[in-house]
Amino acid sequence: QVQLAESGGGLVQPGGSLRLSCAASGSIFSIYNMGWYRQAPGKQRELVAAITSGGSTSYADSVKGRFTNSRDNAKKKVYLQMDSLKPEETAIYYCKVDVLTGTGRPDRFLGIWGQGTLDTVSS
């Protein structure tokens, strides 16, 4: 079984910053893509940022230049640094990790979601 634990969300003023963290634990043989999604009230969940196992990153156009996605493979963690936040970016932010489960040998490939963290941008 694999779990994701998110932390770092909260309330911030417009123009402020937040840093989200997501830690994977459990029976993990390998970790592949790691990323962040968000879902604003009344809207569909959207991809914000993703990072491959080799460190290549991709971002939604709306966050390019303001958000930075990074990972620590040894700690099985992924981070999202969010700067210059806007009120319309108030949402629940979810991390998602693609893993190959297994202990000692590979078992199955799964996409695992974090529980989500509410980030509110408001004055």
PDB file of N, CA and C in Angstrom:
ATOM      1  N   GLN A   1       0.854  -1.186   0.000  1.00  0.00           N
ATOM      2  CA  GLN A   1       0.000   0.000   0.000  1.00  0.00           C
ATOM      3  C   GLN A   1       0.891   1.238   0.000  1.00  0.00           C
ATOM      4  N   VAL A   2       0.455   2.258  -0.743  1.00  0.00           N
ATOM      5  CA  VAL A   2       1.210   3.501  -0.869  1.00  0.00           C
ATOM      6  C   VAL A   2       0.339   4.656  -0.407  1.00  0.00           C
ATOM      7  N   GLN A   3       0.920   5.555   0.359  1.00  0.00           N
ATOM      8  CA  GLN A   3       0.208   6.737   0.824  1.00  0.00           C
ATOM      9  C   GLN A   3       0.988   7.991   0.466  1.00  0.00           C
ATOM     10  N   LEU A   4       0.224   9.086   0.287  1.00  0.00           N
ATOM     11  CA  LEU A   4       0.817  10.395   0.081  1.00  0.00           C
ATOM     12  C   LEU A   4       0.356  11.314   1.205  1.00  0.00           C
ATOM     13  N   ALA A   5       1.273  12.078   1.756  1.00  0.00           N
ATOM     14  CA  ALA A   5       0.947  13.026   2.809  1.00  0.00           C
ATOM     15  C   ALA A   5       1.335  14.415   2.345  1.00  0.00           C
ATOM     16  N   GLU A   6       0.343  15.296   2.233  1.00  0.00           N
ATOM     17  CA  GLU A   6       0.576  16.666   1.797  1.00  0.00           C
ATOM     18  C   GLU A   6       0.672  17.594   2.992  1.00  0.00           C
ATOM     19  N   SER A   7       1.422  18.668   2.819  1.00  0.00           N
ATOM     20  CA  SER A   7       1.510  19.692   3.851  1.00  0.00           C
ATOM     21  C   SER A   7       1.861  21.018   3.201  1.00  0.00           C
ATOM     22  N   GLY A   8       1.658  22.094   3.956  1.00  0.00           N
ATOM     23  CA  GLY A   8       2.114  23.403   3.512  1.00  0.00           C
ATOM     24  C   GLY A   8       1.045  24.351   3.022  1.00  0.00           C
ATOM     25  N   GLY A   9      -0.181  23.924   2.920  1.00  0.00           N
ATOM     26  CA  GLY A   9      -1.229  24.820   2.439  1.00  0.00           C
ATOM     27  C   GLY A   9      -1.648  25.820   3.499  1.00  0.00           C
ATOM     28  N   GLY A  10      -2.530  26.739   3.096  1.00  0.00           N
ATOM     29  CA  GLY A  10      -3.026  27.708   4.062  1.00  0.00           C
ATOM     30  C   GLY A  10      -3.560  28.961   3.417  1.00  0.00           C
ATOM     31  N   LEU A  11      -3.555  30.026   4.197  1.00  0.00           N
ATOM     32  CA  LEU A  11      -4.072  31.316   3.756  1.00  0.00           C
ATOM     33  C   LEU A  11      -2.920  32.262   3.463  1.00  0.00           C
ATOM     34  N   VAL A  12      -2.989  32.932   2.337  1.00  0.00           N
ATOM     35  CA  VAL A  12      -1.939  33.878   1.963  1.00  0.00           C
ATOM     36  C   VAL A  12      -2.576  35.060   1.258  1.00  0.00           C
ATOM     37  N   GLN A  13      -1.964  36.221   1.375  1.00  0.00           N
ATOM     38  CA  GLN A  13      -2.472  37.410   0.696  1.00  0.00           C
ATOM     39  C   GLN A  13      -2.089  37.385  -0.777  1.00  0.00           C
ATOM     40  N   PRO A  14      -2.849  38.085  -1.601  1.00  0.00           N
ATOM     41  CA  PRO A  14      -2.463  38.178  -3.018  1.00  0.00           C
ATOM     42  C   PRO A  14      -1.035  38.679  -3.159  1.00  0.00           C
ATOM     43  N   GLY A  15      -0.300  38.032  -4.059  1.00  0.00           N
ATOM     44  CA  GLY A  15       1.108  38.366  -4.234  1.00  0.00           C
ATOM     45  C   GLY A  15       2.039  37.592  -3.331  1.00  0.00           C
ATOM     46  N   GLY A  16       1.470  36.855  -2.396  1.00  0.00           N
ATOM     47  CA  GLY A  16       2.284  36.095  -1.463  1.00  0.00           C
ATOM     48  C   GLY A  16       2.709  34.747  -2.015  1.00  0.00           C
ATOM     49  N   SER A  17       3.336  33.953  -1.142  1.00  0.00           N
ATOM     50  CA  SER A  17       3.892  32.666  -1.544  1.00  0.00           C
ATOM     51  C   SER A  17       3.461  31.556  -0.602  1.00  0.00           C
ATOM     52  N   LEU A  18       3.398  30.372  -1.155  1.00  0.00           N
ATOM     53  CA  LEU A  18       3.179  29.154  -0.382  1.00  0.00           C
ATOM     54  C   LEU A  18       4.079  28.068  -0.952  1.00  0.00           C
ATOM     55  N   ARG A  19       4.466  27.154  -0.087  1.00  0.00           N
ATOM     56  CA  ARG A  19       5.261  26.010  -0.529  1.00  0.00           C
ATOM     57  C   ARG A  19       4.560  24.747  -0.064  1.00  0.00           C
ATOM     58  N   LEU A  20       4.186  23.927  -1.022  1.00  0.00           N
ATOM     59  CA  LEU A  20       3.523  22.667  -0.730  1.00  0.00           C
ATOM     60  C   LEU A  20       4.533  21.523  -0.785  1.00  0.00           C
ATOM     61  N   SER A  21       4.316  20.554   0.076  1.00  0.00           N
ATOM     62  CA  SER A  21       5.147  19.353   0.085  1.00  0.00           C
ATOM     63  C   SER A  21       4.251  18.121   0.028  1.00  0.00           C
ATOM     64  N   CYS A  22       4.782  17.076  -0.560  1.00  0.00           N
ATOM     65  CA  CYS A  22       4.033  15.822  -0.640  1.00  0.00           C
ATOM     66  C   CYS A  22       5.036  14.688  -0.501  1.00  0.00           C
ATOM     67  N   ALA A  23       4.811  13.841   0.498  1.00  0.00           N
ATOM     68  CA  ALA A  23       5.726  12.739   0.774  1.00  0.00           C
ATOM     69  C   ALA A  23       5.046  11.409   0.496  1.00  0.00           C
ATOM     70  N   ALA A  24       5.727  10.551  -0.238  1.00  0.00           N
ATOM     71  CA  ALA A  24       5.206   9.216  -0.535  1.00  0.00           C
ATOM     72  C   ALA A  24       5.820   8.206   0.418  1.00  0.00           C
ATOM     73  N   SER A  25       5.010   7.256   0.831  1.00  0.00           N
ATOM     74  CA  SER A  25       5.514   6.209   1.722  1.00  0.00           C
ATOM     75  C   SER A  25       4.781   4.900   1.432  1.00  0.00           C
ATOM     76  N   GLY A  26       5.350   3.817   1.921  1.00  0.00           N
ATOM     77  CA  GLY A  26       4.732   2.519   1.727  1.00  0.00           C
ATOM     78  C   GLY A  26       5.576   1.616   0.850  1.00  0.00           C
ATOM     79  N   SER A  27       4.904   0.676   0.216  1.00  0.00           N
ATOM     80  CA  SER A  27       5.577  -0.318  -0.605  1.00  0.00           C
ATOM     81  C   SER A  27       5.839   0.250  -2.002  1.00  0.00           C
ATOM     82  N   ILE A  28       6.969   0.941  -2.136  1.00  0.00           N
ATOM     83  CA  ILE A  28       7.309   1.625  -3.381  1.00  0.00           C
ATOM     84  C   ILE A  28       8.557   1.013  -3.977  1.00  0.00           C
ATOM     85  N   PHE A  29       8.448   0.530  -5.206  1.00  0.00           N
ATOM     86  CA  PHE A  29       9.616  -0.006  -5.907  1.00  0.00           C
ATOM     87  C   PHE A  29      10.302   1.101  -6.697  1.00  0.00           C
ATOM     88  N   SER A  30       9.514   1.905  -7.413  1.00  0.00           N
ATOM     89  CA  SER A  30      10.033   3.042  -8.165  1.00  0.00           C
ATOM     90  C   SER A  30       8.980   4.138  -8.222  1.00  0.00           C
ATOM     91  N   ILE A  31       9.466   5.385  -8.346  1.00  0.00           N
ATOM     92  CA  ILE A  31       8.566   6.529  -8.523  1.00  0.00           C
ATOM     93  C   ILE A  31       8.831   7.137  -9.878  1.00  0.00           C
ATOM     94  N   TYR A  32       7.818   7.402 -10.607  1.00  0.00           N
ATOM     95  CA  TYR A  32       7.939   8.004 -11.930  1.00  0.00           C
ATOM     96  C   TYR A  32       7.513   9.454 -11.879  1.00  0.00           C
ATOM     97  N   ASN A  33       6.516   9.846 -12.660  1.00  0.00           N
ATOM     98  CA  ASN A  33       6.101  11.239 -12.647  1.00  0.00           C
ATOM     99  C   ASN A  33       5.479  11.623 -11.306  1.00  0.00           C
ATOM    100  N   MET A  34       5.752  12.874 -10.913  1.00  0.00           N
ATOM    101  CA  MET A  34       5.144  13.456  -9.722  1.00  0.00           C
ATOM    102  C   MET A  34       4.581  14.807 -10.140  1.00  0.00           C
ATOM    103  N   GLY A  35       3.415  15.159  -9.617  1.00  0.00           N
ATOM    104  CA  GLY A  35       2.835  16.410 -10.072  1.00  0.00           C
ATOM    105  C   GLY A  35       1.799  16.964  -9.128  1.00  0.00           C
ATOM    106  N   TRP A  36       1.293  18.106  -9.531  1.00  0.00           N
ATOM    107  CA  TRP A  36       0.310  18.829  -8.735  1.00  0.00           C
ATOM    108  C   TRP A  36      -0.879  19.213  -9.607  1.00  0.00           C
ATOM    109  N   TYR A  37      -2.067  19.041  -9.048  1.00  0.00           N
ATOM    110  CA  TYR A  37      -3.318  19.458  -9.680  1.00  0.00           C
ATOM    111  C   TYR A  37      -4.034  20.391  -8.711  1.00  0.00           C
ATOM    112  N   ARG A  38      -4.982  21.123  -9.230  1.00  0.00           N
ATOM    113  CA  ARG A  38      -5.812  21.940  -8.356  1.00  0.00           C
ATOM    114  C   ARG A  38      -7.246  21.941  -8.860  1.00  0.00           C
ATOM    115  N   GLN A  39      -8.139  22.144  -7.917  1.00  0.00           N
ATOM    116  CA  GLN A  39      -9.557  22.222  -8.249  1.00  0.00           C
ATOM    117  C   GLN A  39     -10.167  23.396  -7.501  1.00  0.00           C
ATOM    118  N   ALA A  40     -10.548  24.406  -8.258  1.00  0.00           N
ATOM    119  CA  ALA A  40     -11.191  25.581  -7.685  1.00  0.00           C
ATOM    120  C   ALA A  40     -12.694  25.320  -7.559  1.00  0.00           C
ATOM    121  N   PRO A  41     -13.366  26.060  -6.700  1.00  0.00           N
ATOM    122  CA  PRO A  41     -14.804  25.860  -6.525  1.00  0.00           C
ATOM    123  C   PRO A  41     -15.556  25.987  -7.841  1.00  0.00           C
ATOM    124  N   GLY A  42     -16.359  24.979  -8.154  1.00  0.00           N
ATOM    125  CA  GLY A  42     -17.166  25.016  -9.351  1.00  0.00           C
ATOM    126  C   GLY A  42     -16.424  24.739 -10.638  1.00  0.00           C
ATOM    127  N   LYS A  43     -15.148  24.349 -10.531  1.00  0.00           N
ATOM    128  CA  LYS A  43     -14.352  24.098 -11.731  1.00  0.00           C
ATOM    129  C   LYS A  43     -13.799  22.681 -11.730  1.00  0.00           C
ATOM    130  N   GLN A  44     -13.342  22.269 -12.908  1.00  0.00           N
ATOM    131  CA  GLN A  44     -12.743  20.938 -13.020  1.00  0.00           C
ATOM    132  C   GLN A  44     -11.316  20.951 -12.480  1.00  0.00           C
ATOM    133  N   ARG A  45     -10.872  19.786 -12.082  1.00  0.00           N
ATOM    134  CA  ARG A  45      -9.483  19.646 -11.638  1.00  0.00           C
ATOM    135  C   ARG A  45      -8.564  19.845 -12.838  1.00  0.00           C
ATOM    136  N   GLU A  46      -7.492  20.599 -12.624  1.00  0.00           N
ATOM    137  CA  GLU A  46      -6.560  20.876 -13.708  1.00  0.00           C
ATOM    138  C   GLU A  46      -5.130  20.601 -13.272  1.00  0.00           C
ATOM    139  N   LEU A  47      -4.311  20.236 -14.256  1.00  0.00           N
ATOM    140  CA  LEU A  47      -2.891  19.998 -13.996  1.00  0.00           C
ATOM    141  C   LEU A  47      -2.178  21.340 -13.841  1.00  0.00           C
ATOM    142  N   VAL A  48      -1.422  21.464 -12.781  1.00  0.00           N
ATOM    143  CA  VAL A  48      -0.659  22.683 -12.525  1.00  0.00           C
ATOM    144  C   VAL A  48       0.797  22.504 -12.930  1.00  0.00           C
ATOM    145  N   ALA A  49       1.410  21.408 -12.481  1.00  0.00           N
ATOM    146  CA  ALA A  49       2.818  21.183 -12.759  1.00  0.00           C
ATOM    147  C   ALA A  49       3.129  19.703 -12.642  1.00  0.00           C
ATOM    148  N   ALA A  50       4.145  19.274 -13.373  1.00  0.00           N
ATOM    149  CA  ALA A  50       4.565  17.878 -13.310  1.00  0.00           C
ATOM    150  C   ALA A  50       6.072  17.807 -13.452  1.00  0.00           C
ATOM    151  N   ILE A  51       6.663  16.754 -12.875  1.00  0.00           N
ATOM    152  CA  ILE A  51       8.096  16.564 -12.965  1.00  0.00           C
ATOM    153  C   ILE A  51       8.372  15.084 -13.161  1.00  0.00           C
ATOM    154  N   THR A  52       9.247  14.793 -14.114  1.00  0.00           N
ATOM    155  CA  THR A  52       9.571  13.400 -14.397  1.00  0.00           C
ATOM    156  C   THR A  52      10.625  12.890 -13.426  1.00  0.00           C
ATOM    157  N   SER A  53      10.891  11.597 -13.496  1.00  0.00           N
ATOM    158  CA  SER A  53      11.904  11.012 -12.624  1.00  0.00           C
ATOM    159  C   SER A  53      13.291  11.580 -12.925  1.00  0.00           C
ATOM    160  N   GLY A  54      13.474  12.065 -14.150  1.00  0.00           N
ATOM    161  CA  GLY A  54      14.751  12.670 -14.518  1.00  0.00           C
ATOM    162  C   GLY A  54      14.848  14.145 -14.214  1.00  0.00           C
ATOM    163  N   GLY A  55      13.750  14.729 -13.717  1.00  0.00           N
ATOM    164  CA  GLY A  55      13.773  16.129 -13.323  1.00  0.00           C
ATOM    165  C   GLY A  55      13.234  17.107 -14.344  1.00  0.00           C
ATOM    166  N   SER A  56      12.726  16.625 -15.464  1.00  0.00           N
ATOM    167  CA  SER A  56      12.129  17.525 -16.451  1.00  0.00           C
ATOM    168  C   SER A  56      10.772  17.996 -15.950  1.00  0.00           C
ATOM    169  N   THR A  57      10.533  19.299 -16.103  1.00  0.00           N
ATOM    170  CA  THR A  57       9.306  19.877 -15.571  1.00  0.00           C
ATOM    171  C   THR A  57       8.418  20.433 -16.682  1.00  0.00           C
ATOM    172  N   SER A  58       7.137  20.501 -16.372  1.00  0.00           N
ATOM    173  CA  SER A  58       6.172  21.139 -17.263  1.00  0.00           C
ATOM    174  C   SER A  58       5.151  21.848 -16.388  1.00  0.00           C
ATOM    175  N   TYR A  59       4.603  22.935 -16.934  1.00  0.00           N
ATOM    176  CA  TYR A  59       3.703  23.777 -16.164  1.00  0.00           C
ATOM    177  C   TYR A  59       2.504  24.207 -17.004  1.00  0.00           C
ATOM    178  N   ALA A  60       1.401  24.458 -16.318  1.00  0.00           N
ATOM    179  CA  ALA A  60       0.269  25.107 -16.972  1.00  0.00           C
ATOM    180  C   ALA A  60       0.708  26.511 -17.367  1.00  0.00           C
ATOM    181  N   ASP A  61       0.213  26.995 -18.482  1.00  0.00           N
ATOM    182  CA  ASP A  61       0.617  28.326 -18.953  1.00  0.00           C
ATOM    183  C   ASP A  61       0.350  29.397 -17.901  1.00  0.00           C
ATOM    184  N   SER A  62      -0.705  29.237 -17.155  1.00  0.00           N
ATOM    185  CA  SER A  62      -1.107  30.272 -16.201  1.00  0.00           C
ATOM    186  C   SER A  62      -0.153  30.413 -15.020  1.00  0.00           C
ATOM    187  N   VAL A  63       0.701  29.421 -14.793  1.00  0.00           N
ATOM    188  CA  VAL A  63       1.603  29.485 -13.634  1.00  0.00           C
ATOM    189  C   VAL A  63       3.071  29.575 -14.023  1.00  0.00           C
ATOM    190  N   LYS A  64       3.364  29.504 -15.296  1.00  0.00           N
ATOM    191  CA  LYS A  64       4.768  29.555 -15.729  1.00  0.00           C
ATOM    192  C   LYS A  64       5.430  30.839 -15.245  1.00  0.00           C
ATOM    193  N   GLY A  65       6.631  30.685 -14.709  1.00  0.00           N
ATOM    194  CA  GLY A  65       7.381  31.824 -14.205  1.00  0.00           C
ATOM    195  C   GLY A  65       7.076  32.163 -12.758  1.00  0.00           C
ATOM    196  N   ARG A  66       6.016  31.586 -12.204  1.00  0.00           N
ATOM    197  CA  ARG A  66       5.643  31.873 -10.815  1.00  0.00           C
ATOM    198  C   ARG A  66       5.708  30.644  -9.921  1.00  0.00           C
ATOM    199  N   PHE A  67       5.461  29.473 -10.472  1.00  0.00           N
ATOM    200  CA  PHE A  67       5.475  28.226  -9.708  1.00  0.00           C
ATOM    201  C   PHE A  67       6.710  27.419 -10.076  1.00  0.00           C
ATOM    202  N   THR A  68       7.257  26.736  -9.085  1.00  0.00           N
ATOM    203  CA  THR A  68       8.400  25.858  -9.319  1.00  0.00           C
ATOM    204  C   THR A  68       8.148  24.507  -8.691  1.00  0.00           C
ATOM    205  N   ASN A  69       8.220  23.478  -9.522  1.00  0.00           N
ATOM    206  CA  ASN A  69       8.022  22.101  -9.100  1.00  0.00           C
ATOM    207  C   ASN A  69       9.380  21.429  -8.959  1.00  0.00           C
ATOM    208  N   SER A  70       9.613  20.774  -7.836  1.00  0.00           N
ATOM    209  CA  SER A  70      10.886  20.082  -7.641  1.00  0.00           C
ATOM    210  C   SER A  70      10.640  18.787  -6.875  1.00  0.00           C
ATOM    211  N   ARG A  71      11.650  17.941  -6.850  1.00  0.00           N
ATOM    212  CA  ARG A  71      11.506  16.668  -6.153  1.00  0.00           C
ATOM    213  C   ARG A  71      12.809  16.247  -5.507  1.00  0.00           C
ATOM    214  N   ASP A  72      12.683  15.448  -4.465  1.00  0.00           N
ATOM    215  CA  ASP A  72      13.829  14.847  -3.790  1.00  0.00           C
ATOM    216  C   ASP A  72      13.597  13.346  -3.857  1.00  0.00           C
ATOM    217  N   ASN A  73      14.285  12.690  -4.777  1.00  0.00           N
ATOM    218  CA  ASN A  73      14.043  11.259  -4.990  1.00  0.00           C
ATOM    219  C   ASN A  73      14.428  10.426  -3.769  1.00  0.00           C
ATOM    220  N   ALA A  74      15.465  10.806  -3.081  1.00  0.00           N
ATOM    221  CA  ALA A  74      15.901  10.037  -1.912  1.00  0.00           C
ATOM    222  C   ALA A  74      14.853  10.078  -0.807  1.00  0.00           C
ATOM    223  N   LYS A  75      14.171  11.224  -0.683  1.00  0.00           N
ATOM    224  CA  LYS A  75      13.163  11.363   0.363  1.00  0.00           C
ATOM    225  C   LYS A  75      11.765  11.020  -0.134  1.00  0.00           C
ATOM    226  N   LYS A  76      11.647  10.727  -1.424  1.00  0.00           N
ATOM    227  CA  LYS A  76      10.347  10.426  -2.033  1.00  0.00           C
ATOM    228  C   LYS A  76       9.377  11.590  -1.822  1.00  0.00           C
ATOM    229  N   LYS A  77       9.876  12.786  -2.070  1.00  0.00           N
ATOM    230  CA  LYS A  77       9.059  13.972  -1.876  1.00  0.00           C
ATOM    231  C   LYS A  77       8.995  14.811  -3.147  1.00  0.00           C
ATOM    232  N   VAL A  78       7.886  15.512  -3.300  1.00  0.00           N
ATOM    233  CA  VAL A  78       7.734  16.481  -4.367  1.00  0.00           C
ATOM    234  C   VAL A  78       7.259  17.785  -3.729  1.00  0.00           C
ATOM    235  N   TYR A  79       7.719  18.906  -4.313  1.00  0.00           N
ATOM    236  CA  TYR A  79       7.431  20.217  -3.755  1.00  0.00           C
ATOM    237  C   TYR A  79       6.837  21.116  -4.841  1.00  0.00           C
ATOM    238  N   LEU A  80       6.030  22.064  -4.389  1.00  0.00           N
ATOM    239  CA  LEU A  80       5.531  23.092  -5.295  1.00  0.00           C
ATOM    240  C   LEU A  80       5.686  24.437  -4.609  1.00  0.00           C
ATOM    241  N   GLN A  81       6.609  25.243  -5.119  1.00  0.00           N
ATOM    242  CA  GLN A  81       6.802  26.608  -4.636  1.00  0.00           C
ATOM    243  C   GLN A  81       5.912  27.512  -5.476  1.00  0.00           C
ATOM    244  N   MET A  82       5.010  28.210  -4.823  1.00  0.00           N
ATOM    245  CA  MET A  82       4.057  29.072  -5.526  1.00  0.00           C
ATOM    246  C   MET A  82       4.290  30.524  -5.111  1.00  0.00           C
ATOM    247  N   ASP A  83       4.656  31.347  -6.049  1.00  0.00           N
ATOM    248  CA  ASP A  83       4.923  32.761  -5.799  1.00  0.00           C
ATOM    249  C   ASP A  83       3.925  33.624  -6.558  1.00  0.00           C
ATOM    250  N   SER A  84       3.804  34.871  -6.113  1.00  0.00           N
ATOM    251  CA  SER A  84       2.912  35.843  -6.760  1.00  0.00           C
ATOM    252  C   SER A  84       1.508  35.276  -6.936  1.00  0.00           C
ATOM    253  N   LEU A  85       0.990  34.709  -5.879  1.00  0.00           N
ATOM    254  CA  LEU A  85      -0.310  34.051  -5.951  1.00  0.00           C
ATOM    255  C   LEU A  85      -1.439  35.051  -6.175  1.00  0.00           C
ATOM    256  N   LYS A  86      -2.464  34.582  -6.878  1.00  0.00           N
ATOM    257  CA  LYS A  86      -3.606  35.402  -7.231  1.00  0.00           C
ATOM    258  C   LYS A  86      -4.866  34.864  -6.561  1.00  0.00           C
ATOM    259  N   PRO A  87      -5.835  35.716  -6.284  1.00  0.00           N
ATOM    260  CA  PRO A  87      -7.069  35.233  -5.634  1.00  0.00           C
ATOM    261  C   PRO A  87      -7.752  34.106  -6.403  1.00  0.00           C
ATOM    262  N   GLU A  88      -7.700  34.170  -7.719  1.00  0.00           N
ATOM    263  CA  GLU A  88      -8.363  33.135  -8.517  1.00  0.00           C
ATOM    264  C   GLU A  88      -7.658  31.789  -8.436  1.00  0.00           C
ATOM    265  N   GLU A  89      -6.525  31.743  -7.760  1.00  0.00           N
ATOM    266  CA  GLU A  89      -5.813  30.478  -7.583  1.00  0.00           C
ATOM    267  C   GLU A  89      -6.183  29.797  -6.276  1.00  0.00           C
ATOM    268  N   THR A  90      -7.154  30.349  -5.600  1.00  0.00           N
ATOM    269  CA  THR A  90      -7.708  29.664  -4.442  1.00  0.00           C
ATOM    270  C   THR A  90      -8.316  28.348  -4.898  1.00  0.00           C
ATOM    271  N   ALA A  91      -7.858  27.260  -4.287  1.00  0.00           N
ATOM    272  CA  ALA A  91      -8.287  25.940  -4.731  1.00  0.00           C
ATOM    273  C   ALA A  91      -7.787  24.890  -3.747  1.00  0.00           C
ATOM    274  N   ILE A  92      -8.270  23.681  -3.940  1.00  0.00           N
ATOM    275  CA  ILE A  92      -7.667  22.536  -3.269  1.00  0.00           C
ATOM    276  C   ILE A  92      -6.581  22.017  -4.194  1.00  0.00           C
ATOM    277  N   TYR A  93      -5.388  21.900  -3.663  1.00  0.00           N
ATOM    278  CA  TYR A  93      -4.241  21.426  -4.434  1.00  0.00           C
ATOM    279  C   TYR A  93      -3.946  19.977  -4.052  1.00  0.00           C
ATOM    280  N   TYR A  94      -3.824  19.158  -5.076  1.00  0.00           N
ATOM    281  CA  TYR A  94      -3.583  17.727  -4.888  1.00  0.00           C
ATOM    282  C   TYR A  94      -2.239  17.341  -5.505  1.00  0.00           C
ATOM    283  N   CYS A  95      -1.485  16.539  -4.812  1.00  0.00           N
ATOM    284  CA  CYS A  95      -0.327  15.945  -5.465  1.00  0.00           C
ATOM    285  C   CYS A  95      -0.735  14.585  -6.037  1.00  0.00           C
ATOM    286  N   LYS A  96      -0.052  14.207  -7.077  1.00  0.00           N
ATOM    287  CA  LYS A  96      -0.291  12.895  -7.702  1.00  0.00           C
ATOM    288  C   LYS A  96       1.059  12.292  -8.050  1.00  0.00           C
ATOM    289  N   VAL A  97       1.200  11.047  -7.720  1.00  0.00           N
ATOM    290  CA  VAL A  97       2.470  10.363  -7.941  1.00  0.00           C
ATOM    291  C   VAL A  97       2.213   9.046  -8.665  1.00  0.00           C
ATOM    292  N   ASP A  98       2.965   8.788  -9.703  1.00  0.00           N
ATOM    293  CA  ASP A  98       2.891   7.521 -10.432  1.00  0.00           C
ATOM    294  C   ASP A  98       3.985   6.605  -9.899  1.00  0.00           C
ATOM    295  N   VAL A  99       3.584   5.468  -9.357  1.00  0.00           N
ATOM    296  CA  VAL A  99       4.552   4.590  -8.708  1.00  0.00           C
ATOM    297  C   VAL A  99       4.431   3.169  -9.237  1.00  0.00           C
ATOM    298  N   LEU A 100       5.546   2.478  -9.147  1.00  0.00           N
ATOM    299  CA  LEU A 100       5.563   1.033  -9.337  1.00  0.00           C
ATOM    300  C   LEU A 100       5.687   0.458  -7.929  1.00  0.00           C
ATOM    301  N   THR A 101       4.648  -0.218  -7.461  1.00  0.00           N
ATOM    302  CA  THR A 101       4.670  -0.719  -6.097  1.00  0.00           C
ATOM    303  C   THR A 101       5.486  -2.005  -6.028  1.00  0.00           C
ATOM    304  N   GLY A 102       5.782  -2.392  -4.798  1.00  0.00           N
ATOM    305  CA  GLY A 102       6.510  -3.641  -4.604  1.00  0.00           C
ATOM    306  C   GLY A 102       7.650  -3.482  -3.630  1.00  0.00           C
ATOM    307  N   THR A 103       7.973  -4.569  -2.969  1.00  0.00           N
ATOM    308  CA  THR A 103       9.108  -4.600  -2.051  1.00  0.00           C
ATOM    309  C   THR A 103      10.061  -5.686  -2.529  1.00  0.00           C
ATOM    310  N   GLY A 104      11.216  -5.266  -2.992  1.00  0.00           N
ATOM    311  CA  GLY A 104      12.184  -6.234  -3.480  1.00  0.00           C
ATOM    312  C   GLY A 104      12.021  -6.567  -4.948  1.00  0.00           C
ATOM    313  N   ARG A 105      10.763  -6.548  -5.408  1.00  0.00           N
ATOM    314  CA  ARG A 105      10.508  -6.768  -6.831  1.00  0.00           C
ATOM    315  C   ARG A 105       9.258  -5.982  -7.215  1.00  0.00           C
ATOM    316  N   PRO A 106       9.138  -5.579  -8.489  1.00  0.00           N
ATOM    317  CA  PRO A 106       7.989  -4.763  -8.900  1.00  0.00           C
ATOM    318  C   PRO A 106       6.687  -5.534  -8.851  1.00  0.00           C
ATOM    319  N   ASP A 107       5.621  -4.798  -8.516  1.00  0.00           N
ATOM    320  CA  ASP A 107       4.313  -5.428  -8.412  1.00  0.00           C
ATOM    321  C   ASP A 107       3.365  -4.842  -9.440  1.00  0.00           C
ATOM    322  N   ARG A 108       2.889  -3.605  -9.211  1.00  0.00           N
ATOM    323  CA  ARG A 108       1.934  -2.999 -10.122  1.00  0.00           C
ATOM    324  C   ARG A 108       2.159  -1.506 -10.219  1.00  0.00           C
ATOM    325  N   PHE A 109       1.691  -0.949 -11.340  1.00  0.00           N
ATOM    326  CA  PHE A 109       1.811   0.477 -11.584  1.00  0.00           C
ATOM    327  C   PHE A 109       0.520   1.157 -11.166  1.00  0.00           C
ATOM    328  N   LEU A 110       0.658   2.200 -10.313  1.00  0.00           N
ATOM    329  CA  LEU A 110      -0.514   2.907  -9.807  1.00  0.00           C
ATOM    330  C   LEU A 110      -0.306   4.410  -9.867  1.00  0.00           C
ATOM    331  N   GLY A 111      -1.408   5.137 -10.038  1.00  0.00           N
ATOM    332  CA  GLY A 111      -1.406   6.586  -9.871  1.00  0.00           C
ATOM    333  C   GLY A 111      -2.059   6.890  -8.534  1.00  0.00           C
ATOM    334  N   ILE A 112      -1.319   7.506  -7.631  1.00  0.00           N
ATOM    335  CA  ILE A 112      -1.792   7.739  -6.266  1.00  0.00           C
ATOM    336  C   ILE A 112      -2.047   9.226  -6.068  1.00  0.00           C
ATOM    337  N   TRP A 113      -3.164   9.550  -5.450  1.00  0.00           N
ATOM    338  CA  TRP A 113      -3.526  10.938  -5.162  1.00  0.00           C
ATOM    339  C   TRP A 113      -3.350  11.255  -3.689  1.00  0.00           C
ATOM    340  N   GLY A 114      -2.889  12.460  -3.410  1.00  0.00           N
ATOM    341  CA  GLY A 114      -2.863  12.952  -2.046  1.00  0.00           C
ATOM    342  C   GLY A 114      -4.259  13.369  -1.610  1.00  0.00           C
ATOM    343  N   GLN A 115      -4.370  13.712  -0.329  1.00  0.00           N
ATOM    344  CA  GLN A 115      -5.684  14.041   0.221  1.00  0.00           C
ATOM    345  C   GLN A 115      -6.123  15.457  -0.143  1.00  0.00           C
ATOM    346  N   GLY A 116      -5.222  16.261  -0.627  1.00  0.00           N
ATOM    347  CA  GLY A 116      -5.552  17.633  -0.996  1.00  0.00           C
ATOM    348  C   GLY A 116      -5.320  18.599   0.148  1.00  0.00           C
ATOM    349  N   THR A 117      -4.916  19.797  -0.220  1.00  0.00           N
ATOM    350  CA  THR A 117      -4.710  20.843   0.767  1.00  0.00           C
ATOM    351  C   THR A 117      -5.343  22.134   0.247  1.00  0.00           C
ATOM    352  N   LEU A 118      -6.119  22.795   1.092  1.00  0.00           N
ATOM    353  CA  LEU A 118      -6.812  24.009   0.677  1.00  0.00           C
ATOM    354  C   LEU A 118      -5.878  25.203   0.770  1.00  0.00           C
ATOM    355  N   ASP A 119      -5.699  25.874  -0.333  1.00  0.00           N
ATOM    356  CA  ASP A 119      -4.889  27.075  -0.389  1.00  0.00           C
ATOM    357  C   ASP A 119      -5.798  28.243  -0.744  1.00  0.00           C
ATOM    358  N   THR A 120      -5.862  29.215   0.145  1.00  0.00           N
ATOM    359  CA  THR A 120      -6.739  30.364  -0.036  1.00  0.00           C
ATOM    360  C   THR A 120      -5.903  31.619  -0.224  1.00  0.00           C
ATOM    361  N   VAL A 121      -6.165  32.328  -1.323  1.00  0.00           N
ATOM    362  CA  VAL A 121      -5.452  33.575  -1.613  1.00  0.00           C
ATOM    363  C   VAL A 121      -6.457  34.704  -1.456  1.00  0.00           C
ATOM    364  N   SER A 122      -6.311  35.450  -0.378  1.00  0.00           N
ATOM    365  CA  SER A 122      -7.289  36.480  -0.078  1.00  0.00           C
ATOM    366  C   SER A 122      -6.689  37.530   0.840  1.00  0.00           C
ATOM    367  N   SER A 123      -7.163  38.751   0.675  1.00  0.00           N
ATOM    368  CA  SER A 123      -6.715  39.818   1.561  1.00  0.00           C
ATOM    369  C   SER A 123      -7.680  39.979   2.736  1.00  0.00           C
TER     370      SER A 123
END
